[in-house]
């Protein structure tokens, strides 16, 4: 069963648009740069993301959202705590991201 990892960002109000785009591009590139330590192949099943465009007005400051799909909790756990590409990405966004929210779930498990 796949594990879904939802990441929501509030970008800093004074962040340059080109810096925001570069951060988003680096996030999407994690699908190819995150390599499984044993298999030595990319292990993220899918990743999508983009800038908020909801007309509901319920964003509470969140400006961008991403959805990452992993095959297992073990893959997600490696990604979050150990994967050098992911850790480098996290270290690189401090000047652009004001706040991050993360929610993980298994589809249809309540």
PDB file of N, CA and C in Angstrom:
ATOM      1  N   UNK A   1       0.837  -1.174   0.000  1.00  0.00           N
ATOM      2  CA  UNK A   1       0.000   0.000   0.000  1.00  0.00           C
ATOM      3  C   UNK A   1       0.888   1.245   0.000  1.00  0.00           C
ATOM      4  N   UNK A   2       0.607   2.168  -0.888  1.00  0.00           N
ATOM      5  CA  UNK A   2       1.381   3.394  -0.990  1.00  0.00           C
ATOM      6  C   UNK A   2       1.178   4.293   0.223  1.00  0.00           C
ATOM      7  N   UNK A   3       2.199   5.067   0.511  1.00  0.00           N
ATOM      8  CA  UNK A   3       2.130   6.075   1.555  1.00  0.00           C
ATOM      9  C   UNK A   3       2.204   7.441   0.881  1.00  0.00           C
ATOM     10  N   UNK A   4       1.277   8.317   1.229  1.00  0.00           N
ATOM     11  CA  UNK A   4       1.210   9.650   0.644  1.00  0.00           C
ATOM     12  C   UNK A   4       1.782  10.651   1.650  1.00  0.00           C
ATOM     13  N   UNK A   5       2.674  11.505   1.170  1.00  0.00           N
ATOM     14  CA  UNK A   5       3.384  12.505   1.979  1.00  0.00           C
ATOM     15  C   UNK A   5       3.013  13.868   1.397  1.00  0.00           C
ATOM     16  N   UNK A   6       2.196  14.630   2.136  1.00  0.00           N
ATOM     17  CA  UNK A   6       1.733  15.936   1.674  1.00  0.00           C
ATOM     18  C   UNK A   6       2.564  17.013   2.372  1.00  0.00           C
ATOM     19  N   UNK A   7       3.140  17.915   1.585  1.00  0.00           N
ATOM     20  CA  UNK A   7       3.964  18.989   2.112  1.00  0.00           C
ATOM     21  C   UNK A   7       3.367  20.314   1.647  1.00  0.00           C
ATOM     22  N   UNK A   8       3.087  21.188   2.615  1.00  0.00           N
ATOM     23  CA  UNK A   8       2.529  22.503   2.323  1.00  0.00           C
ATOM     24  C   UNK A   8       3.505  23.559   2.804  1.00  0.00           C
ATOM     25  N   UNK A   9       3.779  24.536   1.959  1.00  0.00           N
ATOM     26  CA  UNK A   9       4.712  25.607   2.292  1.00  0.00           C
ATOM     27  C   UNK A   9       4.017  26.952   2.298  1.00  0.00           C
ATOM     28  N   UNK A  10       4.414  27.782   3.239  1.00  0.00           N
ATOM     29  CA  UNK A  10       4.132  29.204   3.176  1.00  0.00           C
ATOM     30  C   UNK A  10       5.450  29.852   2.818  1.00  0.00           C
ATOM     31  N   UNK A  11       5.526  30.389   1.621  1.00  0.00           N
ATOM     32  CA  UNK A  11       6.753  31.045   1.190  1.00  0.00           C
ATOM     33  C   UNK A  11       6.849  32.411   1.865  1.00  0.00           C
ATOM     34  N   UNK A  12       8.060  32.841   2.137  1.00  0.00           N
ATOM     35  CA  UNK A  12       8.264  34.147   2.748  1.00  0.00           C
ATOM     36  C   UNK A  12       7.738  35.245   1.828  1.00  0.00           C
ATOM     37  N   UNK A  13       7.085  36.229   2.395  1.00  0.00           N
ATOM     38  CA  UNK A  13       6.456  37.290   1.618  1.00  0.00           C
ATOM     39  C   UNK A  13       7.462  38.041   0.751  1.00  0.00           C
ATOM     40  N   UNK A  14       8.706  38.158   1.211  1.00  0.00           N
ATOM     41  CA  UNK A  14       9.703  38.911   0.452  1.00  0.00           C
ATOM     42  C   UNK A  14      10.604  38.018  -0.409  1.00  0.00           C
ATOM     43  N   UNK A  15      10.244  36.740  -0.530  1.00  0.00           N
ATOM     44  CA  UNK A  15      11.048  35.836  -1.363  1.00  0.00           C
ATOM     45  C   UNK A  15      10.923  36.244  -2.830  1.00  0.00           C
ATOM     46  N   UNK A  16      12.040  36.225  -3.520  1.00  0.00           N
ATOM     47  CA  UNK A  16      12.044  36.558  -4.942  1.00  0.00           C
ATOM     48  C   UNK A  16      11.355  35.439  -5.716  1.00  0.00           C
ATOM     49  N   UNK A  17      10.534  35.776  -6.707  1.00  0.00           N
ATOM     50  CA  UNK A  17       9.846  34.748  -7.491  1.00  0.00           C
ATOM     51  C   UNK A  17      10.792  33.703  -8.089  1.00  0.00           C
ATOM     52  N   UNK A  18      11.965  34.135  -8.518  1.00  0.00           N
ATOM     53  CA  UNK A  18      12.903  33.176  -9.113  1.00  0.00           C
ATOM     54  C   UNK A  18      13.461  32.215  -8.064  1.00  0.00           C
ATOM     55  N   UNK A  19      13.586  32.680  -6.809  1.00  0.00           N
ATOM     56  CA  UNK A  19      14.039  31.797  -5.737  1.00  0.00           C
ATOM     57  C   UNK A  19      12.954  30.787  -5.356  1.00  0.00           C
ATOM     58  N   UNK A  20      11.703  31.234  -5.364  1.00  0.00           N
ATOM     59  CA  UNK A  20      10.574  30.329  -5.096  1.00  0.00           C
ATOM     60  C   UNK A  20      10.502  29.268  -6.181  1.00  0.00           C
ATOM     61  N   UNK A  21      10.602  29.689  -7.438  1.00  0.00           N
ATOM     62  CA  UNK A  21      10.553  28.726  -8.545  1.00  0.00           C
ATOM     63  C   UNK A  21      11.701  27.730  -8.459  1.00  0.00           C
ATOM     64  N   UNK A  22      12.889  28.208  -8.130  1.00  0.00           N
ATOM     65  CA  UNK A  22      14.046  27.309  -8.014  1.00  0.00           C
ATOM     66  C   UNK A  22      13.826  26.292  -6.899  1.00  0.00           C
ATOM     67  N   UNK A  23      13.269  26.728  -5.768  1.00  0.00           N
ATOM     68  CA  UNK A  23      12.991  25.802  -4.666  1.00  0.00           C
ATOM     69  C   UNK A  23      11.964  24.759  -5.085  1.00  0.00           C
ATOM     70  N   UNK A  24      10.919  25.202  -5.783  1.00  0.00           N
ATOM     71  CA  UNK A  24       9.890  24.261  -6.253  1.00  0.00           C
ATOM     72  C   UNK A  24      10.470  23.278  -7.263  1.00  0.00           C
ATOM     73  N   UNK A  25      11.301  23.753  -8.163  1.00  0.00           N
ATOM     74  CA  UNK A  25      11.947  22.867  -9.143  1.00  0.00           C
ATOM     75  C   UNK A  25      12.822  21.832  -8.440  1.00  0.00           C
ATOM     76  N   UNK A  26      13.547  22.251  -7.404  1.00  0.00           N
ATOM     77  CA  UNK A  26      14.397  21.310  -6.657  1.00  0.00           C
ATOM     78  C   UNK A  26      13.539  20.271  -5.929  1.00  0.00           C
ATOM     79  N   UNK A  27      12.385  20.707  -5.411  1.00  0.00           N
ATOM     80  CA  UNK A  27      11.494  19.749  -4.748  1.00  0.00           C
ATOM     81  C   UNK A  27      11.044  18.689  -5.748  1.00  0.00           C
ATOM     82  N   UNK A  28      10.563  19.120  -6.901  1.00  0.00           N
ATOM     83  CA  UNK A  28      10.084  18.167  -7.906  1.00  0.00           C
ATOM     84  C   UNK A  28      11.203  17.250  -8.402  1.00  0.00           C
ATOM     85  N   UNK A  29      12.427  17.745  -8.424  1.00  0.00           N
ATOM     86  CA  UNK A  29      13.571  16.949  -8.884  1.00  0.00           C
ATOM     87  C   UNK A  29      13.938  15.836  -7.910  1.00  0.00           C
ATOM     88  N   UNK A  30      13.441  15.903  -6.667  1.00  0.00           N
ATOM     89  CA  UNK A  30      13.752  14.855  -5.697  1.00  0.00           C
ATOM     90  C   UNK A  30      13.325  13.474  -6.192  1.00  0.00           C
ATOM     91  N   UNK A  31      12.315  13.418  -7.057  1.00  0.00           N
ATOM     92  CA  UNK A  31      11.879  12.123  -7.602  1.00  0.00           C
ATOM     93  C   UNK A  31      13.037  11.401  -8.289  1.00  0.00           C
ATOM     94  N   UNK A  32      13.919  12.151  -8.894  1.00  0.00           N
ATOM     95  CA  UNK A  32      15.046  11.549  -9.613  1.00  0.00           C
ATOM     96  C   UNK A  32      16.343  11.545  -8.814  1.00  0.00           C
ATOM     97  N   UNK A  33      16.478  12.464  -7.865  1.00  0.00           N
ATOM     98  CA  UNK A  33      17.750  12.571  -7.141  1.00  0.00           C
ATOM     99  C   UNK A  33      17.788  11.763  -5.845  1.00  0.00           C
ATOM    100  N   UNK A  34      16.627  11.364  -5.340  1.00  0.00           N
ATOM    101  CA  UNK A  34      16.596  10.521  -4.137  1.00  0.00           C
ATOM    102  C   UNK A  34      16.789   9.069  -4.566  1.00  0.00           C
ATOM    103  N   UNK A  35      17.880   8.485  -4.126  1.00  0.00           N
ATOM    104  CA  UNK A  35      18.280   7.145  -4.558  1.00  0.00           C
ATOM    105  C   UNK A  35      18.188   6.184  -3.371  1.00  0.00           C
ATOM    106  N   UNK A  36      17.545   5.043  -3.598  1.00  0.00           N
ATOM    107  CA  UNK A  36      17.402   4.026  -2.553  1.00  0.00           C
ATOM    108  C   UNK A  36      18.786   3.495  -2.183  1.00  0.00           C
ATOM    109  N   UNK A  37      19.087   3.389  -0.889  1.00  0.00           N
ATOM    110  CA  UNK A  37      20.444   3.006  -0.475  1.00  0.00           C
ATOM    111  C   UNK A  37      20.840   1.587  -0.854  1.00  0.00           C
ATOM    112  N   UNK A  38      19.875   0.691  -0.994  1.00  0.00           N
ATOM    113  CA  UNK A  38      20.195  -0.693  -1.345  1.00  0.00           C
ATOM    114  C   UNK A  38      20.067  -0.936  -2.848  1.00  0.00           C
ATOM    115  N   UNK A  39      18.931  -0.543  -3.412  1.00  0.00           N
ATOM    116  CA  UNK A  39      18.668  -0.789  -4.832  1.00  0.00           C
ATOM    117  C   UNK A  39      19.454   0.151  -5.744  1.00  0.00           C
ATOM    118  N   UNK A  40      19.908   1.305  -5.202  1.00  0.00           N
ATOM    119  CA  UNK A  40      20.634   2.304  -5.984  1.00  0.00           C
ATOM    120  C   UNK A  40      19.827   2.823  -7.178  1.00  0.00           C
ATOM    121  N   UNK A  41      18.517   2.922  -6.984  1.00  0.00           N
ATOM    122  CA  UNK A  41      17.620   3.476  -7.993  1.00  0.00           C
ATOM    123  C   UNK A  41      16.687   4.476  -7.316  1.00  0.00           C
ATOM    124  N   UNK A  42      16.084   5.395  -8.089  1.00  0.00           N
ATOM    125  CA  UNK A  42      15.111   6.306  -7.503  1.00  0.00           C
ATOM    126  C   UNK A  42      13.959   5.519  -6.873  1.00  0.00           C
ATOM    127  N   UNK A  43      13.464   5.973  -5.729  1.00  0.00           N
ATOM    128  CA  UNK A  43      12.435   5.219  -5.016  1.00  0.00           C
ATOM    129  C   UNK A  43      11.148   6.002  -4.772  1.00  0.00           C
ATOM    130  N   UNK A  44      11.108   7.274  -5.118  1.00  0.00           N
ATOM    131  CA  UNK A  44       9.858   8.030  -5.008  1.00  0.00           C
ATOM    132  C   UNK A  44       8.987   7.639  -6.195  1.00  0.00           C
ATOM    133  N   UNK A  45       7.767   7.162  -5.896  1.00  0.00           N
ATOM    134  CA  UNK A  45       6.880   6.704  -6.962  1.00  0.00           C
ATOM    135  C   UNK A  45       6.360   7.854  -7.808  1.00  0.00           C
ATOM    136  N   UNK A  46       5.987   8.960  -7.170  1.00  0.00           N
ATOM    137  CA  UNK A  46       5.510  10.129  -7.905  1.00  0.00           C
ATOM    138  C   UNK A  46       5.622  11.359  -7.020  1.00  0.00           C
ATOM    139  N   UNK A  47       5.696  12.512  -7.668  1.00  0.00           N
ATOM    140  CA  UNK A  47       5.666  13.796  -6.952  1.00  0.00           C
ATOM    141  C   UNK A  47       5.014  14.826  -7.865  1.00  0.00           C
ATOM    142  N   UNK A  48       4.099  15.584  -7.293  1.00  0.00           N
ATOM    143  CA  UNK A  48       3.475  16.691  -8.005  1.00  0.00           C
ATOM    144  C   UNK A  48       3.423  17.878  -7.056  1.00  0.00           C
ATOM    145  N   UNK A  49       3.257  19.037  -7.613  1.00  0.00           N
ATOM    146  CA  UNK A  49       3.145  20.204  -6.759  1.00  0.00           C
ATOM    147  C   UNK A  49       2.875  21.452  -7.555  1.00  0.00           C
ATOM    148  N   UNK A  50       2.569  22.522  -6.825  1.00  0.00           N
ATOM    149  CA  UNK A  50       2.332  23.791  -7.492  1.00  0.00           C
ATOM    150  C   UNK A  50       1.902  24.872  -6.527  1.00  0.00           C
ATOM    151  N   UNK A  51       1.654  26.038  -7.103  1.00  0.00           N
ATOM    152  CA  UNK A  51       1.240  27.220  -6.351  1.00  0.00           C
ATOM    153  C   UNK A  51      -0.265  27.164  -6.122  1.00  0.00           C
ATOM    154  N   UNK A  52      -0.666  27.538  -4.917  1.00  0.00           N
ATOM    155  CA  UNK A  52      -2.082  27.552  -4.575  1.00  0.00           C
ATOM    156  C   UNK A  52      -2.873  28.462  -5.516  1.00  0.00           C
ATOM    157  N   UNK A  53      -4.048  27.986  -5.913  1.00  0.00           N
ATOM    158  CA  UNK A  53      -4.954  28.825  -6.697  1.00  0.00           C
ATOM    159  C   UNK A  53      -6.405  28.635  -6.258  1.00  0.00           C
ATOM    160  N   UNK A  54      -6.605  28.206  -5.024  1.00  0.00           N
ATOM    161  CA  UNK A  54      -7.952  27.961  -4.512  1.00  0.00           C
ATOM    162  C   UNK A  54      -8.704  29.268  -4.281  1.00  0.00           C
ATOM    163  N   UNK A  55      -9.965  29.325  -4.716  1.00  0.00           N
ATOM    164  CA  UNK A  55     -10.779  30.517  -4.471  1.00  0.00           C
ATOM    165  C   UNK A  55     -11.460  30.507  -3.099  1.00  0.00           C
ATOM    166  N   UNK A  56     -11.272  29.466  -2.302  1.00  0.00           N
ATOM    167  CA  UNK A  56     -11.996  29.325  -1.042  1.00  0.00           C
ATOM    168  C   UNK A  56     -11.508  30.244   0.073  1.00  0.00           C
ATOM    169  N   UNK A  57     -10.249  30.674  -0.005  1.00  0.00           N
ATOM    170  CA  UNK A  57      -9.718  31.562   1.015  1.00  0.00           C
ATOM    171  C   UNK A  57      -9.408  30.874   2.337  1.00  0.00           C
ATOM    172  N   UNK A  58      -9.157  29.582   2.306  1.00  0.00           N
ATOM    173  CA  UNK A  58      -8.900  28.819   3.527  1.00  0.00           C
ATOM    174  C   UNK A  58      -7.438  28.402   3.668  1.00  0.00           C
ATOM    175  N   UNK A  59      -6.543  29.055   2.966  1.00  0.00           N
ATOM    176  CA  UNK A  59      -5.139  28.646   2.913  1.00  0.00           C
ATOM    177  C   UNK A  59      -4.373  28.949   4.198  1.00  0.00           C
ATOM    178  N   UNK A  60      -4.806  29.892   4.995  1.00  0.00           N
ATOM    179  CA  UNK A  60      -4.097  30.261   6.226  1.00  0.00           C
ATOM    180  C   UNK A  60      -2.616  30.535   5.977  1.00  0.00           C
ATOM    181  N   UNK A  61      -2.318  31.201   4.875  1.00  0.00           N
ATOM    182  CA  UNK A  61      -0.944  31.570   4.567  1.00  0.00           C
ATOM    183  C   UNK A  61      -0.195  30.591   3.681  1.00  0.00           C
ATOM    184  N   UNK A  62      -0.713  29.379   3.526  1.00  0.00           N
ATOM    185  CA  UNK A  62      -0.036  28.378   2.688  1.00  0.00           C
ATOM    186  C   UNK A  62      -0.093  28.819   1.235  1.00  0.00           C
ATOM    187  N   UNK A  63       1.051  28.777   0.557  1.00  0.00           N
ATOM    188  CA  UNK A  63       1.129  29.261  -0.824  1.00  0.00           C
ATOM    189  C   UNK A  63       1.423  28.167  -1.846  1.00  0.00           C
ATOM    190  N   UNK A  64       2.007  27.053  -1.404  1.00  0.00           N
ATOM    191  CA  UNK A  64       2.413  25.987  -2.332  1.00  0.00           C
ATOM    192  C   UNK A  64       2.159  24.625  -1.692  1.00  0.00           C
ATOM    193  N   UNK A  65       1.809  23.651  -2.510  1.00  0.00           N
ATOM    194  CA  UNK A  65       1.582  22.303  -2.010  1.00  0.00           C
ATOM    195  C   UNK A  65       2.240  21.262  -2.898  1.00  0.00           C
ATOM    196  N   UNK A  66       2.664  20.170  -2.259  1.00  0.00           N
ATOM    197  CA  UNK A  66       3.313  19.061  -2.962  1.00  0.00           C
ATOM    198  C   UNK A  66       2.780  17.748  -2.418  1.00  0.00           C
ATOM    199  N   UNK A  67       2.663  16.758  -3.290  1.00  0.00           N
ATOM    200  CA  UNK A  67       2.236  15.420  -2.897  1.00  0.00           C
ATOM    201  C   UNK A  67       3.290  14.445  -3.401  1.00  0.00           C
ATOM    202  N   UNK A  68       3.852  13.684  -2.460  1.00  0.00           N
ATOM    203  CA  UNK A  68       4.892  12.706  -2.773  1.00  0.00           C
ATOM    204  C   UNK A  68       4.340  11.325  -2.431  1.00  0.00           C
ATOM    205  N   UNK A  69       4.512  10.371  -3.319  1.00  0.00           N
ATOM    206  CA  UNK A  69       4.034   9.003  -3.091  1.00  0.00           C
ATOM    207  C   UNK A  69       5.228   8.066  -2.933  1.00  0.00           C
ATOM    208  N   UNK A  70       5.191   7.301  -1.842  1.00  0.00           N
ATOM    209  CA  UNK A  70       6.204   6.283  -1.568  1.00  0.00           C
ATOM    210  C   UNK A  70       5.558   4.909  -1.584  1.00  0.00           C
ATOM    211  N   UNK A  71       6.341   3.887  -1.866  1.00  0.00           N
ATOM    212  CA  UNK A  71       5.833   2.518  -1.861  1.00  0.00           C
ATOM    213  C   UNK A  71       5.596   2.011  -0.446  1.00  0.00           C
ATOM    214  N   UNK A  72       6.314   2.578   0.523  1.00  0.00           N
ATOM    215  CA  UNK A  72       6.224   2.049   1.887  1.00  0.00           C
ATOM    216  C   UNK A  72       6.587   3.116   2.910  1.00  0.00           C
ATOM    217  N   UNK A  73       6.214   2.853   4.161  1.00  0.00           N
ATOM    218  CA  UNK A  73       6.618   3.726   5.266  1.00  0.00           C
ATOM    219  C   UNK A  73       8.138   3.714   5.423  1.00  0.00           C
ATOM    220  N   UNK A  74       8.765   2.602   5.138  1.00  0.00           N
ATOM    221  CA  UNK A  74      10.216   2.507   5.249  1.00  0.00           C
ATOM    222  C   UNK A  74      10.902   3.462   4.276  1.00  0.00           C
ATOM    223  N   UNK A  75      10.383   3.532   3.039  1.00  0.00           N
ATOM    224  CA  UNK A  75      10.950   4.476   2.071  1.00  0.00           C
ATOM    225  C   UNK A  75      10.751   5.915   2.541  1.00  0.00           C
ATOM    226  N   UNK A  76       9.554   6.222   3.043  1.00  0.00           N
ATOM    227  CA  UNK A  76       9.290   7.570   3.568  1.00  0.00           C
ATOM    228  C   UNK A  76      10.224   7.890   4.731  1.00  0.00           C
ATOM    229  N   UNK A  77      10.408   6.932   5.621  1.00  0.00           N
ATOM    230  CA  UNK A  77      11.254   7.162   6.788  1.00  0.00           C
ATOM    231  C   UNK A  77      12.704   7.437   6.378  1.00  0.00           C
ATOM    232  N   UNK A  78      13.203   6.696   5.391  1.00  0.00           N
ATOM    233  CA  UNK A  78      14.554   6.940   4.889  1.00  0.00           C
ATOM    234  C   UNK A  78      14.638   8.340   4.277  1.00  0.00           C
ATOM    235  N   UNK A  79      13.650   8.691   3.484  1.00  0.00           N
ATOM    236  CA  UNK A  79      13.580  10.007   2.844  1.00  0.00           C
ATOM    237  C   UNK A  79      13.638  11.118   3.884  1.00  0.00           C
ATOM    238  N   UNK A  80      12.819  11.026   4.904  1.00  0.00           N
ATOM    239  CA  UNK A  80      12.698  12.083   5.903  1.00  0.00           C
ATOM    240  C   UNK A  80      13.955  12.215   6.755  1.00  0.00           C
ATOM    241  N   UNK A  81      14.536  11.100   7.162  1.00  0.00           N
ATOM    242  CA  UNK A  81      15.599  11.173   8.162  1.00  0.00           C
ATOM    243  C   UNK A  81      17.016  10.999   7.633  1.00  0.00           C
ATOM    244  N   UNK A  82      17.185  10.398   6.446  1.00  0.00           N
ATOM    245  CA  UNK A  82      18.527  10.000   6.035  1.00  0.00           C
ATOM    246  C   UNK A  82      18.910  10.402   4.617  1.00  0.00           C
ATOM    247  N   UNK A  83      17.973  10.429   3.695  1.00  0.00           N
ATOM    248  CA  UNK A  83      18.322  10.637   2.283  1.00  0.00           C
ATOM    249  C   UNK A  83      19.098  11.948   2.098  1.00  0.00           C
ATOM    250  N   UNK A  84      20.328  11.870   1.586  1.00  0.00           N
ATOM    251  CA  UNK A  84      21.151  13.079   1.459  1.00  0.00           C
ATOM    252  C   UNK A  84      20.557  14.126   0.519  1.00  0.00           C
ATOM    253  N   UNK A  85      19.877  13.697  -0.534  1.00  0.00           N
ATOM    254  CA  UNK A  85      19.271  14.666  -1.459  1.00  0.00           C
ATOM    255  C   UNK A  85      18.143  15.431  -0.778  1.00  0.00           C
ATOM    256  N   UNK A  86      17.305  14.714  -0.037  1.00  0.00           N
ATOM    257  CA  UNK A  86      16.212  15.378   0.667  1.00  0.00           C
ATOM    258  C   UNK A  86      16.754  16.303   1.754  1.00  0.00           C
ATOM    259  N   UNK A  87      17.720  15.838   2.522  1.00  0.00           N
ATOM    260  CA  UNK A  87      18.280  16.669   3.580  1.00  0.00           C
ATOM    261  C   UNK A  87      18.944  17.922   3.014  1.00  0.00           C
ATOM    262  N   UNK A  88      19.596  17.812   1.871  1.00  0.00           N
ATOM    263  CA  UNK A  88      20.202  18.979   1.220  1.00  0.00           C
ATOM    264  C   UNK A  88      19.113  19.954   0.762  1.00  0.00           C
ATOM    265  N   UNK A  89      18.011  19.399   0.233  1.00  0.00           N
ATOM    266  CA  UNK A  89      16.893  20.260  -0.165  1.00  0.00           C
ATOM    267  C   UNK A  89      16.356  21.037   1.035  1.00  0.00           C
ATOM    268  N   UNK A  90      16.106  20.334   2.131  1.00  0.00           N
ATOM    269  CA  UNK A  90      15.574  20.986   3.338  1.00  0.00           C
ATOM    270  C   UNK A  90      16.511  22.104   3.790  1.00  0.00           C
ATOM    271  N   UNK A  91      17.803  21.845   3.777  1.00  0.00           N
ATOM    272  CA  UNK A  91      18.772  22.856   4.190  1.00  0.00           C
ATOM    273  C   UNK A  91      18.790  24.052   3.246  1.00  0.00           C
ATOM    274  N   UNK A  92      18.381  23.850   1.999  1.00  0.00           N
ATOM    275  CA  UNK A  92      18.476  24.905   0.987  1.00  0.00           C
ATOM    276  C   UNK A  92      17.295  25.867   0.969  1.00  0.00           C
ATOM    277  N   UNK A  93      16.211  25.556   1.662  1.00  0.00           N
ATOM    278  CA  UNK A  93      15.000  26.374   1.517  1.00  0.00           C
ATOM    279  C   UNK A  93      14.749  27.342   2.667  1.00  0.00           C
ATOM    280  N   UNK A  94      15.659  27.424   3.604  1.00  0.00           N
ATOM    281  CA  UNK A  94      15.465  28.265   4.778  1.00  0.00           C
ATOM    282  C   UNK A  94      15.257  29.738   4.474  1.00  0.00           C
ATOM    283  N   UNK A  95      15.828  30.235   3.390  1.00  0.00           N
ATOM    284  CA  UNK A  95      15.670  31.645   3.035  1.00  0.00           C
ATOM    285  C   UNK A  95      14.403  31.912   2.229  1.00  0.00           C
ATOM    286  N   UNK A  96      13.670  30.869   1.888  1.00  0.00           N
ATOM    287  CA  UNK A  96      12.486  31.025   1.035  1.00  0.00           C
ATOM    288  C   UNK A  96      11.204  30.625   1.764  1.00  0.00           C
ATOM    289  N   UNK A  97      11.279  29.600   2.589  1.00  0.00           N
ATOM    290  CA  UNK A  97      10.088  29.048   3.235  1.00  0.00           C
ATOM    291  C   UNK A  97       9.921  29.631   4.634  1.00  0.00           C
ATOM    292  N   UNK A  98       8.743  30.160   4.887  1.00  0.00           N
ATOM    293  CA  UNK A  98       8.393  30.697   6.200  1.00  0.00           C
ATOM    294  C   UNK A  98       7.895  29.597   7.126  1.00  0.00           C
ATOM    295  N   UNK A  99       7.055  28.708   6.568  1.00  0.00           N
ATOM    296  CA  UNK A  99       6.422  27.659   7.374  1.00  0.00           C
ATOM    297  C   UNK A  99       6.195  26.433   6.495  1.00  0.00           C
ATOM    298  N   UNK A 100       6.322  25.255   7.098  1.00  0.00           N
ATOM    299  CA  UNK A 100       6.022  24.000   6.405  1.00  0.00           C
ATOM    300  C   UNK A 100       5.056  23.189   7.259  1.00  0.00           C
ATOM    301  N   UNK A 101       4.131  22.534   6.586  1.00  0.00           N
ATOM    302  CA  UNK A 101       3.192  21.610   7.222  1.00  0.00           C
ATOM    303  C   UNK A 101       3.300  20.296   6.465  1.00  0.00           C
ATOM    304  N   UNK A 102       3.376  19.194   7.207  1.00  0.00           N
ATOM    305  CA  UNK A 102       3.483  17.881   6.580  1.00  0.00           C
ATOM    306  C   UNK A 102       2.415  16.961   7.153  1.00  0.00           C
ATOM    307  N   UNK A 103       1.710  16.261   6.265  1.00  0.00           N
ATOM    308  CA  UNK A 103       0.723  15.262   6.647  1.00  0.00           C
ATOM    309  C   UNK A 103       0.992  14.020   5.807  1.00  0.00           C
ATOM    310  N   UNK A 104       1.109  12.876   6.469  1.00  0.00           N
ATOM    311  CA  UNK A 104       1.302  11.598   5.774  1.00  0.00           C
ATOM    312  C   UNK A 104       0.105  10.706   6.041  1.00  0.00           C
ATOM    313  N   UNK A 105      -0.248   9.890   5.039  1.00  0.00           N
ATOM    314  CA  UNK A 105      -1.352   8.946   5.237  1.00  0.00           C
ATOM    315  C   UNK A 105      -1.245   7.797   4.250  1.00  0.00           C
ATOM    316  N   UNK A 106      -1.907   6.701   4.610  1.00  0.00           N
ATOM    317  CA  UNK A 106      -2.129   5.597   3.687  1.00  0.00           C
ATOM    318  C   UNK A 106      -3.534   5.779   3.138  1.00  0.00           C
ATOM    319  N   UNK A 107      -3.692   5.674   1.843  1.00  0.00           N
ATOM    320  CA  UNK A 107      -4.985   5.901   1.216  1.00  0.00           C
ATOM    321  C   UNK A 107      -6.062   5.014   1.816  1.00  0.00           C
ATOM    322  N   UNK A 108      -7.164   5.645   2.171  1.00  0.00           N
ATOM    323  CA  UNK A 108      -8.364   4.970   2.669  1.00  0.00           C
ATOM    324  C   UNK A 108      -8.173   4.254   3.994  1.00  0.00           C
ATOM    325  N   UNK A 109      -7.173   4.652   4.777  1.00  0.00           N
ATOM    326  CA  UNK A 109      -6.985   4.117   6.126  1.00  0.00           C
ATOM    327  C   UNK A 109      -7.369   5.242   7.088  1.00  0.00           C
ATOM    328  N   UNK A 110      -8.385   4.989   7.899  1.00  0.00           N
ATOM    329  CA  UNK A 110      -8.931   6.019   8.790  1.00  0.00           C
ATOM    330  C   UNK A 110      -8.794   5.640  10.239  1.00  0.00           C
TER     331      UNK A 110
END
